[in-house]
PDB file of all heavy atoms in Angstrom:
ATOM      1  N   SER A   1      97.979 128.727 112.480  1.00  0.00           N
ATOM      2  CA  SER A   1      99.295 128.104 112.527  1.00  0.00           C
ATOM      3  C   SER A   1      99.286 126.990 113.570  1.00  0.00           C
ATOM      4  O   SER A   1      98.720 127.147 114.659  1.00  0.00           O
ATOM      5  CB  SER A   1     100.351 129.157 112.887  1.00  0.00           C
ATOM      6  OG  SER A   1     101.654 128.602 112.825  1.00  0.00           O
ATOM      7  N   ALA A   2      99.927 125.860 113.240  1.00  0.00           N
ATOM      8  CA  ALA A   2     100.041 124.751 114.180  1.00  0.00           C
ATOM      9  C   ALA A   2     101.396 124.057 113.971  1.00  0.00           C
ATOM     10  O   ALA A   2     101.764 123.761 112.826  1.00  0.00           O
ATOM     11  CB  ALA A   2      98.900 123.744 113.979  1.00  0.00           C
ATOM     12  N   TYR A   3     102.118 123.853 115.055  1.00  0.00           N
ATOM     13  CA  TYR A   3     103.438 123.204 114.996  1.00  0.00           C
ATOM     14  C   TYR A   3     103.521 122.162 116.088  1.00  0.00           C
ATOM     15  O   TYR A   3     103.002 122.353 117.192  1.00  0.00           O
ATOM     16  CB  TYR A   3     104.579 124.221 115.213  1.00  0.00           C
ATOM     17  CG  TYR A   3     104.914 125.056 114.014  1.00  0.00           C
ATOM     18  CD1 TYR A   3     104.388 126.343 113.882  1.00  0.00           C
ATOM     19  CD2 TYR A   3     105.780 124.584 113.017  1.00  0.00           C
ATOM     20  CE1 TYR A   3     104.730 127.133 112.795  1.00  0.00           C
ATOM     21  CE2 TYR A   3     106.116 125.376 111.949  1.00  0.00           C
ATOM     22  CZ  TYR A   3     105.584 126.633 111.835  1.00  0.00           C
ATOM     23  OH  TYR A   3     105.903 127.421 110.743  1.00  0.00           O
ATOM     24  N   THR A   4     104.225 121.077 115.780  1.00  0.00           N
ATOM     25  CA  THR A   4     104.703 120.168 116.805  1.00  0.00           C
ATOM     26  C   THR A   4     106.213 120.116 116.683  1.00  0.00           C
ATOM     27  O   THR A   4     106.770 120.121 115.576  1.00  0.00           O
ATOM     28  CB  THR A   4     104.081 118.777 116.664  1.00  0.00           C
ATOM     29  OG1 THR A   4     104.577 117.912 117.707  1.00  0.00           O
ATOM     30  CG2 THR A   4     104.413 118.158 115.326  1.00  0.00           C
ATOM     31  N   ALA A   5     106.893 120.099 117.836  1.00  0.00           N
ATOM     32  CA  ALA A   5     108.338 120.043 117.857  1.00  0.00           C
ATOM     33  C   ALA A   5     108.756 118.794 118.630  1.00  0.00           C
ATOM     34  O   ALA A   5     108.255 118.527 119.724  1.00  0.00           O
ATOM     35  CB  ALA A   5     108.925 121.294 118.540  1.00  0.00           C
ATOM     36  N   PHE A   6     109.667 118.007 118.034  1.00  0.00           N
ATOM     37  CA  PHE A   6     110.122 116.800 118.703  1.00  0.00           C
ATOM     38  C   PHE A   6     111.606 116.568 118.393  1.00  0.00           C
ATOM     39  O   PHE A   6     112.135 117.042 117.385  1.00  0.00           O
ATOM     40  CB  PHE A   6     109.298 115.589 118.277  1.00  0.00           C
ATOM     41  CG  PHE A   6     109.296 115.305 116.795  1.00  0.00           C
ATOM     42  CD1 PHE A   6     110.272 114.477 116.225  1.00  0.00           C
ATOM     43  CD2 PHE A   6     108.379 115.884 115.952  1.00  0.00           C
ATOM     44  CE1 PHE A   6     110.274 114.230 114.849  1.00  0.00           C
ATOM     45  CE2 PHE A   6     108.381 115.644 114.587  1.00  0.00           C
ATOM     46  CZ  PHE A   6     109.321 114.819 114.055  1.00  0.00           C
ATOM     47  N   GLY A   7     112.286 115.873 119.282  1.00  0.00           N
ATOM     48  CA  GLY A   7     113.714 115.609 119.120  1.00  0.00           C
ATOM     49  C   GLY A   7     114.322 115.257 120.449  1.00  0.00           C
ATOM     50  O   GLY A   7     113.667 114.704 121.332  1.00  0.00           O
ATOM     51  N   GLU A   8     115.582 115.617 120.623  1.00  0.00           N
ATOM     52  CA  GLU A   8     116.269 115.294 121.866  1.00  0.00           C
ATOM     53  C   GLU A   8     117.378 116.313 122.119  1.00  0.00           C
ATOM     54  O   GLU A   8     117.940 116.899 121.185  1.00  0.00           O
ATOM     55  CB  GLU A   8     116.833 113.893 121.879  1.00  0.00           C
ATOM     56  CG  GLU A   8     117.830 113.605 120.787  1.00  0.00           C
ATOM     57  CD  GLU A   8     118.271 112.153 120.765  1.00  0.00           C
ATOM     58  OE1 GLU A   8     117.514 111.271 121.219  1.00  0.00           O
ATOM     59  OE2 GLU A   8     119.401 111.912 120.291  1.00  0.00           O
ATOM     60  N   GLU A   9     117.700 116.520 123.391  1.00  0.00           N
ATOM     61  CA  GLU A   9     118.851 117.335 123.774  1.00  0.00           C
ATOM     62  C   GLU A   9     119.741 116.523 124.698  1.00  0.00           C
ATOM     63  O   GLU A   9     119.263 115.763 125.541  1.00  0.00           O
ATOM     64  CB  GLU A   9     118.403 118.623 124.436  1.00  0.00           C
ATOM     65  CG  GLU A   9     117.383 118.493 125.524  1.00  0.00           C
ATOM     66  CD  GLU A   9     116.895 119.858 126.023  1.00  0.00           C
ATOM     67  OE1 GLU A   9     117.454 120.889 125.622  1.00  0.00           O
ATOM     68  OE2 GLU A   9     115.946 119.882 126.829  1.00  0.00           O
ATOM     69  N   ALA A  10     121.054 116.668 124.504  1.00  0.00           N
ATOM     70  CA  ALA A  10     122.002 115.841 125.221  1.00  0.00           C
ATOM     71  C   ALA A  10     121.952 116.094 126.712  1.00  0.00           C
ATOM     72  O   ALA A  10     122.057 115.152 127.535  1.00  0.00           O
ATOM     73  CB  ALA A  10     123.410 116.081 124.681  1.00  0.00           C
ATOM     74  N   ASP A  11     121.809 117.335 127.110  1.00  0.00           N
ATOM     75  CA  ASP A  11     121.693 117.712 128.524  1.00  0.00           C
ATOM     76  C   ASP A  11     120.571 118.714 128.639  1.00  0.00           C
ATOM     77  O   ASP A  11     120.565 119.728 127.949  1.00  0.00           O
ATOM     78  CB  ASP A  11     122.981 118.352 129.028  1.00  0.00           C
ATOM     79  CG  ASP A  11     124.129 117.358 129.101  1.00  0.00           C
ATOM     80  OD1 ASP A  11     124.103 116.525 130.019  1.00  0.00           O
ATOM     81  OD2 ASP A  11     125.034 117.438 128.255  1.00  0.00           O
ATOM     82  N   SER A  12     119.614 118.463 129.506  1.00  0.00           N
ATOM     83  CA  SER A  12     118.550 119.405 129.696  1.00  0.00           C
ATOM     84  C   SER A  12     119.005 120.524 130.637  1.00  0.00           C
ATOM     85  O   SER A  12     120.103 120.488 131.183  1.00  0.00           O
ATOM     86  CB  SER A  12     117.295 118.728 130.233  1.00  0.00           C
ATOM     87  OG  SER A  12     117.512 118.267 131.550  1.00  0.00           O
ATOM     88  N   VAL A  13     118.167 121.523 130.813  1.00  0.00           N
ATOM     89  CA  VAL A  13     118.559 122.710 131.576  1.00  0.00           C
ATOM     90  C   VAL A  13     118.794 122.387 133.048  1.00  0.00           C
ATOM     91  O   VAL A  13     119.758 122.871 133.660  1.00  0.00           O
ATOM     92  CB  VAL A  13     117.470 123.788 131.440  1.00  0.00           C
ATOM     93  CG1 VAL A  13     117.793 124.992 132.341  1.00  0.00           C
ATOM     94  CG2 VAL A  13     117.359 124.238 129.981  1.00  0.00           C
ATOM     95  N   PHE A  14     117.972 121.514 133.634  1.00  0.00           N
ATOM     96  CA  PHE A  14     118.064 121.266 135.085  1.00  0.00           C
ATOM     97  C   PHE A  14     118.624 119.880 135.456  1.00  0.00           C
ATOM     98  O   PHE A  14     118.846 119.617 136.629  1.00  0.00           O
ATOM     99  CB  PHE A  14     116.674 121.419 135.721  1.00  0.00           C
ATOM    100  CG  PHE A  14     116.183 122.855 135.706  1.00  0.00           C
ATOM    101  CD1 PHE A  14     115.343 123.317 134.710  1.00  0.00           C
ATOM    102  CD2 PHE A  14     116.568 123.756 136.686  1.00  0.00           C
ATOM    103  CE1 PHE A  14     114.880 124.620 134.700  1.00  0.00           C
ATOM    104  CE2 PHE A  14     116.125 125.070 136.676  1.00  0.00           C
ATOM    105  CZ  PHE A  14     115.279 125.512 135.681  1.00  0.00           C
ATOM    106  N   THR A  15     118.828 119.013 134.478  1.00  0.00           N
ATOM    107  CA  THR A  15     119.379 117.675 134.762  1.00  0.00           C
ATOM    108  C   THR A  15     120.517 117.379 133.761  1.00  0.00           C
ATOM    109  O   THR A  15     120.565 117.963 132.687  1.00  0.00           O
ATOM    110  CB  THR A  15     118.313 116.584 134.640  1.00  0.00           C
ATOM    111  OG1 THR A  15     117.904 116.471 133.260  1.00  0.00           O
ATOM    112  CG2 THR A  15     117.088 116.904 135.477  1.00  0.00           C
ATOM    113  N   ASN A  16     121.408 116.483 134.168  1.00  0.00           N
ATOM    114  CA  ASN A  16     122.512 116.115 133.295  1.00  0.00           C
ATOM    115  C   ASN A  16     122.226 114.845 132.497  1.00  0.00           C
ATOM    116  O   ASN A  16     123.121 114.082 132.169  1.00  0.00           O
ATOM    117  CB  ASN A  16     123.793 115.945 134.111  1.00  0.00           C
ATOM    118  CG  ASN A  16     123.681 114.811 135.131  1.00  0.00           C
ATOM    119  OD1 ASN A  16     122.606 114.261 135.349  1.00  0.00           O
ATOM    120  ND2 ASN A  16     124.800 114.484 135.774  1.00  0.00           N
ATOM    121  N   THR A  17     120.967 114.608 132.212  1.00  0.00           N
ATOM    122  CA  THR A  17     120.572 113.447 131.423  1.00  0.00           C
ATOM    123  C   THR A  17     119.953 113.876 130.097  1.00  0.00           C
ATOM    124  O   THR A  17     119.480 114.996 129.962  1.00  0.00           O
ATOM    125  CB  THR A  17     119.551 112.594 132.212  1.00  0.00           C
ATOM    126  OG1 THR A  17     118.403 113.401 132.511  1.00  0.00           O
ATOM    127  CG2 THR A  17     120.156 112.084 133.502  1.00  0.00           C
ATOM    128  N   GLU A  18     119.952 112.981 129.147  1.00  0.00           N
ATOM    129  CA  GLU A  18     119.336 113.229 127.852  1.00  0.00           C
ATOM    130  C   GLU A  18     117.825 113.454 128.048  1.00  0.00           C
ATOM    131  O   GLU A  18     117.183 112.782 128.844  1.00  0.00           O
ATOM    132  CB  GLU A  18     119.581 112.080 126.902  1.00  0.00           C
ATOM    133  CG  GLU A  18     119.045 112.266 125.512  1.00  0.00           C
ATOM    134  CD  GLU A  18     119.401 111.102 124.609  1.00  0.00           C
ATOM    135  OE1 GLU A  18     120.578 110.959 124.241  1.00  0.00           O
ATOM    136  OE2 GLU A  18     118.466 110.314 124.273  1.00  0.00           O
ATOM    137  N   SER A  19     117.293 114.402 127.312  1.00  0.00           N
ATOM    138  CA  SER A  19     115.865 114.732 127.461  1.00  0.00           C
ATOM    139  C   SER A  19     115.194 114.683 126.106  1.00  0.00           C
ATOM    140  O   SER A  19     115.752 115.120 125.086  1.00  0.00           O
ATOM    141  CB  SER A  19     115.716 116.125 128.082  1.00  0.00           C
ATOM    142  OG  SER A  19     114.343 116.424 128.288  1.00  0.00           O
ATOM    143  N   GLU A  20     113.962 114.155 126.107  1.00  0.00           N
ATOM    144  CA  GLU A  20     113.173 114.091 124.893  1.00  0.00           C
ATOM    145  C   GLU A  20     112.357 115.363 124.725  1.00  0.00           C
ATOM    146  O   GLU A  20     111.631 115.780 125.629  1.00  0.00           O
ATOM    147  CB  GLU A  20     112.239 112.884 124.951  1.00  0.00           C
ATOM    148  CG  GLU A  20     111.288 112.761 123.765  1.00  0.00           C
ATOM    149  CD  GLU A  20     110.271 111.660 123.940  1.00  0.00           C
ATOM    150  OE1 GLU A  20     110.425 110.853 124.900  1.00  0.00           O
ATOM    151  OE2 GLU A  20     109.297 111.617 123.145  1.00  0.00           O
ATOM    152  N   ILE A  21     112.487 116.034 123.562  1.00  0.00           N
ATOM    153  CA  ILE A  21     111.731 117.228 123.253  1.00  0.00           C
ATOM    154  C   ILE A  21     110.375 116.848 122.697  1.00  0.00           C
ATOM    155  O   ILE A  21     110.273 116.071 121.729  1.00  0.00           O
ATOM    156  CB  ILE A  21     112.479 118.130 122.270  1.00  0.00           C
ATOM    157  CG1 ILE A  21     113.823 118.568 122.869  1.00  0.00           C
ATOM    158  CG2 ILE A  21     111.651 119.341 121.886  1.00  0.00           C
ATOM    159  CD1 ILE A  21     114.742 119.224 121.849  1.00  0.00           C
ATOM    160  N   SER A  22     109.311 117.373 123.299  1.00  0.00           N
ATOM    161  CA  SER A  22     107.958 117.107 122.827  1.00  0.00           C
ATOM    162  C   SER A  22     107.094 118.305 123.192  1.00  0.00           C
ATOM    163  O   SER A  22     106.665 118.449 124.341  1.00  0.00           O
ATOM    164  CB  SER A  22     107.395 115.818 123.479  1.00  0.00           C
ATOM    165  OG  SER A  22     106.078 115.572 123.044  1.00  0.00           O
ATOM    166  N   ALA A  23     106.838 119.182 122.208  1.00  0.00           N
ATOM    167  CA  ALA A  23     106.130 120.437 122.487  1.00  0.00           C
ATOM    168  C   ALA A  23     105.244 120.775 121.294  1.00  0.00           C
ATOM    169  O   ALA A  23     105.414 120.239 120.204  1.00  0.00           O
ATOM    170  CB  ALA A  23     107.129 121.548 122.760  1.00  0.00           C
ATOM    171  N   TYR A  24     104.318 121.732 121.509  1.00  0.00           N
ATOM    172  CA  TYR A  24     103.451 122.113 120.397  1.00  0.00           C
ATOM    173  C   TYR A  24     103.043 123.588 120.531  1.00  0.00           C
ATOM    174  O   TYR A  24     103.172 124.211 121.579  1.00  0.00           O
ATOM    175  CB  TYR A  24     102.240 121.212 120.308  1.00  0.00           C
ATOM    176  CG  TYR A  24     101.312 121.235 121.515  1.00  0.00           C
ATOM    177  CD1 TYR A  24     100.180 122.055 121.521  1.00  0.00           C
ATOM    178  CD2 TYR A  24     101.550 120.449 122.639  1.00  0.00           C
ATOM    179  CE1 TYR A  24      99.333 122.104 122.600  1.00  0.00           C
ATOM    180  CE2 TYR A  24     100.696 120.454 123.722  1.00  0.00           C
ATOM    181  CZ  TYR A  24      99.589 121.283 123.697  1.00  0.00           C
ATOM    182  OH  TYR A  24      98.743 121.323 124.772  1.00  0.00           O
ATOM    183  N   PHE A  25     102.501 124.107 119.447  1.00  0.00           N
ATOM    184  CA  PHE A  25     102.189 125.535 119.317  1.00  0.00           C
ATOM    185  C   PHE A  25     100.956 125.674 118.425  1.00  0.00           C
ATOM    186  O   PHE A  25     100.838 125.017 117.390  1.00  0.00           O
ATOM    187  CB  PHE A  25     103.382 126.270 118.703  1.00  0.00           C
ATOM    188  CG  PHE A  25     103.123 127.714 118.359  1.00  0.00           C
ATOM    189  CD1 PHE A  25     103.350 128.710 119.304  1.00  0.00           C
ATOM    190  CD2 PHE A  25     102.659 128.085 117.089  1.00  0.00           C
ATOM    191  CE1 PHE A  25     103.122 130.041 118.994  1.00  0.00           C
ATOM    192  CE2 PHE A  25     102.420 129.409 116.785  1.00  0.00           C
ATOM    193  CZ  PHE A  25     102.645 130.400 117.729  1.00  0.00           C
ATOM    194  N   LEU A  26     100.041 126.549 118.825  1.00  0.00           N
ATOM    195  CA  LEU A  26      98.822 126.857 118.045  1.00  0.00           C
ATOM    196  C   LEU A  26      98.604 128.348 118.036  1.00  0.00           C
ATOM    197  O   LEU A  26      98.806 129.019 119.036  1.00  0.00           O
ATOM    198  CB  LEU A  26      97.607 126.147 118.653  1.00  0.00           C
ATOM    199  CG  LEU A  26      97.649 124.625 118.771  1.00  0.00           C
ATOM    200  CD1 LEU A  26      96.502 124.144 119.675  1.00  0.00           C
ATOM    201  CD2 LEU A  26      97.575 123.983 117.414  1.00  0.00           C
ATOM    202  N   ALA A  27      98.144 128.884 116.911  1.00  0.00           N
ATOM    203  CA  ALA A  27      97.823 130.306 116.845  1.00  0.00           C
ATOM    204  C   ALA A  27      96.768 130.530 115.769  1.00  0.00           C
ATOM    205  O   ALA A  27      96.724 129.807 114.754  1.00  0.00           O
ATOM    206  CB  ALA A  27      99.055 131.156 116.552  1.00  0.00           C
ATOM    207  N   ALA A  28      95.917 131.526 115.970  1.00  0.00           N
ATOM    208  CA  ALA A  28      94.904 131.905 114.983  1.00  0.00           C
ATOM    209  C   ALA A  28      94.547 133.363 115.157  1.00  0.00           C
ATOM    210  O   ALA A  28      94.522 133.871 116.290  1.00  0.00           O
ATOM    211  CB  ALA A  28      93.650 131.027 115.112  1.00  0.00           C
ATOM    212  N   GLU A  29      94.295 134.033 114.060  1.00  0.00           N
ATOM    213  CA  GLU A  29      93.862 135.411 114.072  1.00  0.00           C
ATOM    214  C   GLU A  29      92.828 135.614 112.992  1.00  0.00           C
ATOM    215  O   GLU A  29      93.074 135.290 111.842  1.00  0.00           O
ATOM    216  CB  GLU A  29      95.031 136.391 113.880  1.00  0.00           C
ATOM    217  CG  GLU A  29      94.630 137.843 114.089  1.00  0.00           C
ATOM    218  CD  GLU A  29      95.871 138.748 114.159  1.00  0.00           C
ATOM    219  OE1 GLU A  29      96.414 138.931 115.266  1.00  0.00           O
ATOM    220  OE2 GLU A  29      96.285 139.260 113.094  1.00  0.00           O
ATOM    221  N   ALA A  30      91.660 136.155 113.368  1.00  0.00           N
ATOM    222  CA  ALA A  30      90.581 136.395 112.418  1.00  0.00           C
ATOM    223  C   ALA A  30      90.192 137.862 112.455  1.00  0.00           C
ATOM    224  O   ALA A  30      90.220 138.506 113.524  1.00  0.00           O
ATOM    225  CB  ALA A  30      89.348 135.524 112.787  1.00  0.00           C
ATOM    226  N   SER A  31      89.864 138.397 111.298  1.00  0.00           N
ATOM    227  CA  SER A  31      89.445 139.791 111.211  1.00  0.00           C
ATOM    228  C   SER A  31      88.445 139.968 110.094  1.00  0.00           C
ATOM    229  O   SER A  31      88.255 139.072 109.248  1.00  0.00           O
ATOM    230  CB  SER A  31      90.674 140.713 110.971  1.00  0.00           C
ATOM    231  OG  SER A  31      91.252 140.444 109.704  1.00  0.00           O
ATOM    232  N   MET A  32      87.765 141.115 110.089  1.00  0.00           N
ATOM    233  CA  MET A  32      86.790 141.423 109.052  1.00  0.00           C
ATOM    234  C   MET A  32      86.812 142.927 108.767  1.00  0.00           C
ATOM    235  O   MET A  32      86.963 143.713 109.704  1.00  0.00           O
ATOM    236  CB  MET A  32      85.404 140.980 109.460  1.00  0.00           C
ATOM    237  CG  MET A  32      84.342 141.150 108.381  1.00  0.00           C
ATOM    238  SD  MET A  32      82.675 140.568 108.887  1.00  0.00           S
ATOM    239  CE  MET A  32      82.963 138.794 108.969  1.00  0.00           C
ATOM    240  N   ASP A  33      86.700 143.301 107.525  1.00  0.00           N
ATOM    241  CA  ASP A  33      86.745 144.697 107.123  1.00  0.00           C
ATOM    242  C   ASP A  33      85.343 145.302 107.058  1.00  0.00           C
ATOM    243  O   ASP A  33      84.455 144.734 106.417  1.00  0.00           O
ATOM    244  CB  ASP A  33      87.427 144.853 105.752  1.00  0.00           C
ATOM    245  CG  ASP A  33      88.886 144.425 105.799  1.00  0.00           C
ATOM    246  OD1 ASP A  33      89.599 144.913 106.704  1.00  0.00           O
ATOM    247  OD2 ASP A  33      89.333 143.641 104.949  1.00  0.00           O
ATOM    248  N   PHE A  34      85.183 146.420 107.717  1.00  0.00           N
ATOM    249  CA  PHE A  34      83.958 147.233 107.643  1.00  0.00           C
ATOM    250  C   PHE A  34      84.365 148.616 107.162  1.00  0.00           C
ATOM    251  O   PHE A  34      84.718 149.461 107.980  1.00  0.00           O
ATOM    252  CB  PHE A  34      83.240 147.296 108.975  1.00  0.00           C
ATOM    253  CG  PHE A  34      82.792 145.964 109.519  1.00  0.00           C
ATOM    254  CD1 PHE A  34      83.615 145.232 110.343  1.00  0.00           C
ATOM    255  CD2 PHE A  34      81.572 145.450 109.162  1.00  0.00           C
ATOM    256  CE1 PHE A  34      83.206 143.988 110.834  1.00  0.00           C
ATOM    257  CE2 PHE A  34      81.136 144.215 109.651  1.00  0.00           C
ATOM    258  CZ  PHE A  34      81.951 143.476 110.502  1.00  0.00           C
ATOM    259  N   ASP A  35      84.400 148.808 105.844  1.00  0.00           N
ATOM    260  CA  ASP A  35      84.830 150.065 105.251  1.00  0.00           C
ATOM    261  C   ASP A  35      86.255 150.336 105.720  1.00  0.00           C
ATOM    262  O   ASP A  35      87.196 149.622 105.370  1.00  0.00           O
ATOM    263  CB  ASP A  35      83.861 151.177 105.627  1.00  0.00           C
ATOM    264  CG  ASP A  35      84.064 152.418 104.743  1.00  0.00           C
ATOM    265  OD1 ASP A  35      84.852 152.349 103.780  1.00  0.00           O
ATOM    266  OD2 ASP A  35      83.441 153.425 105.040  1.00  0.00           O
ATOM    267  N   TRP A  36      86.479 151.354 106.578  1.00  0.00           N
ATOM    268  CA  TRP A  36      87.830 151.732 106.986  1.00  0.00           C
ATOM    269  C   TRP A  36      88.237 151.158 108.339  1.00  0.00           C
ATOM    270  O   TRP A  36      89.286 151.473 108.868  1.00  0.00           O
ATOM    271  CB  TRP A  36      87.939 153.254 107.050  1.00  0.00           C
ATOM    272  CG  TRP A  36      86.861 153.892 107.892  1.00  0.00           C
ATOM    273  CD1 TRP A  36      85.557 154.168 107.507  1.00  0.00           C
ATOM    274  CD2 TRP A  36      86.968 154.332 109.250  1.00  0.00           C
ATOM    275  NE1 TRP A  36      84.877 154.749 108.566  1.00  0.00           N
ATOM    276  CE2 TRP A  36      85.717 154.877 109.644  1.00  0.00           C
ATOM    277  CE3 TRP A  36      88.012 154.347 110.177  1.00  0.00           C
ATOM    278  CZ2 TRP A  36      85.482 155.403 110.909  1.00  0.00           C
ATOM    279  CZ3 TRP A  36      87.800 154.872 111.441  1.00  0.00           C
ATOM    280  CH2 TRP A  36      86.533 155.387 111.783  1.00  0.00           C
ATOM    281  N   ILE A  37      87.420 150.249 108.886  1.00  0.00           N
ATOM    282  CA  ILE A  37      87.693 149.664 110.194  1.00  0.00           C
ATOM    283  C   ILE A  37      87.858 148.152 110.071  1.00  0.00           C
ATOM    284  O   ILE A  37      87.068 147.478 109.408  1.00  0.00           O
ATOM    285  CB  ILE A  37      86.560 149.965 111.177  1.00  0.00           C
ATOM    286  CG1 ILE A  37      86.390 151.468 111.384  1.00  0.00           C
ATOM    287  CG2 ILE A  37      86.765 149.266 112.517  1.00  0.00           C
ATOM    288  CD1 ILE A  37      85.223 151.858 112.254  1.00  0.00           C
ATOM    289  N   ARG A  38      88.901 147.604 110.690  1.00  0.00           N
ATOM    290  CA  ARG A  38      89.143 146.162 110.698  1.00  0.00           C
ATOM    291  C   ARG A  38      89.314 145.676 112.136  1.00  0.00           C
ATOM    292  O   ARG A  38      90.382 145.767 112.724  1.00  0.00           O
ATOM    293  CB  ARG A  38      90.374 145.771 109.888  1.00  0.00           C
ATOM    294  CG  ARG A  38      90.750 144.289 110.015  1.00  0.00           C
ATOM    295  CD  ARG A  38      91.962 143.915 109.219  1.00  0.00           C
ATOM    296  NE  ARG A  38      91.700 143.829 107.803  1.00  0.00           N
ATOM    297  CZ  ARG A  38      92.541 143.359 106.897  1.00  0.00           C
ATOM    298  NH1 ARG A  38      93.723 142.923 107.269  1.00  0.00           N
ATOM    299  NH2 ARG A  38      92.204 143.310 105.620  1.00  0.00           N
ATOM    300  N   PRO A  39      88.259 145.138 112.771  1.00  0.00           N
ATOM    301  CA  PRO A  39      88.406 144.499 114.072  1.00  0.00           C
ATOM    302  C   PRO A  39      89.004 143.094 113.923  1.00  0.00           C
ATOM    303  O   PRO A  39      88.856 142.453 112.893  1.00  0.00           O
ATOM    304  CB  PRO A  39      86.971 144.446 114.623  1.00  0.00           C
ATOM    305  CG  PRO A  39      86.127 144.424 113.390  1.00  0.00           C
ATOM    306  CD  PRO A  39      86.846 145.175 112.332  1.00  0.00           C
ATOM    307  N   LYS A  40      89.672 142.644 114.984  1.00  0.00           N
ATOM    308  CA  LYS A  40      90.316 141.314 114.878  1.00  0.00           C
ATOM    309  C   LYS A  40      90.344 140.642 116.243  1.00  0.00           C
ATOM    310  O   LYS A  40      90.318 141.292 117.307  1.00  0.00           O
ATOM    311  CB  LYS A  40      91.740 141.455 114.345  1.00  0.00           C
ATOM    312  CG  LYS A  40      92.638 142.395 115.138  1.00  0.00           C
ATOM    313  CD  LYS A  40      93.966 142.619 114.438  1.00  0.00           C
ATOM    314  CE  LYS A  40      94.830 143.627 115.183  1.00  0.00           C
ATOM    315  NZ  LYS A  40      96.087 143.906 114.501  1.00  0.00           N
TER     316      LYS A  40
END
């Protein structure tokens, strides 16, 4: 999974000015089956 998030907020959490949103996210999970066992 990979996401980028962008946009704007009228007031940020710590300042009273408009803030540009620019963030990202990455995730991966791999596994393999050995009979009744699946490590990941």
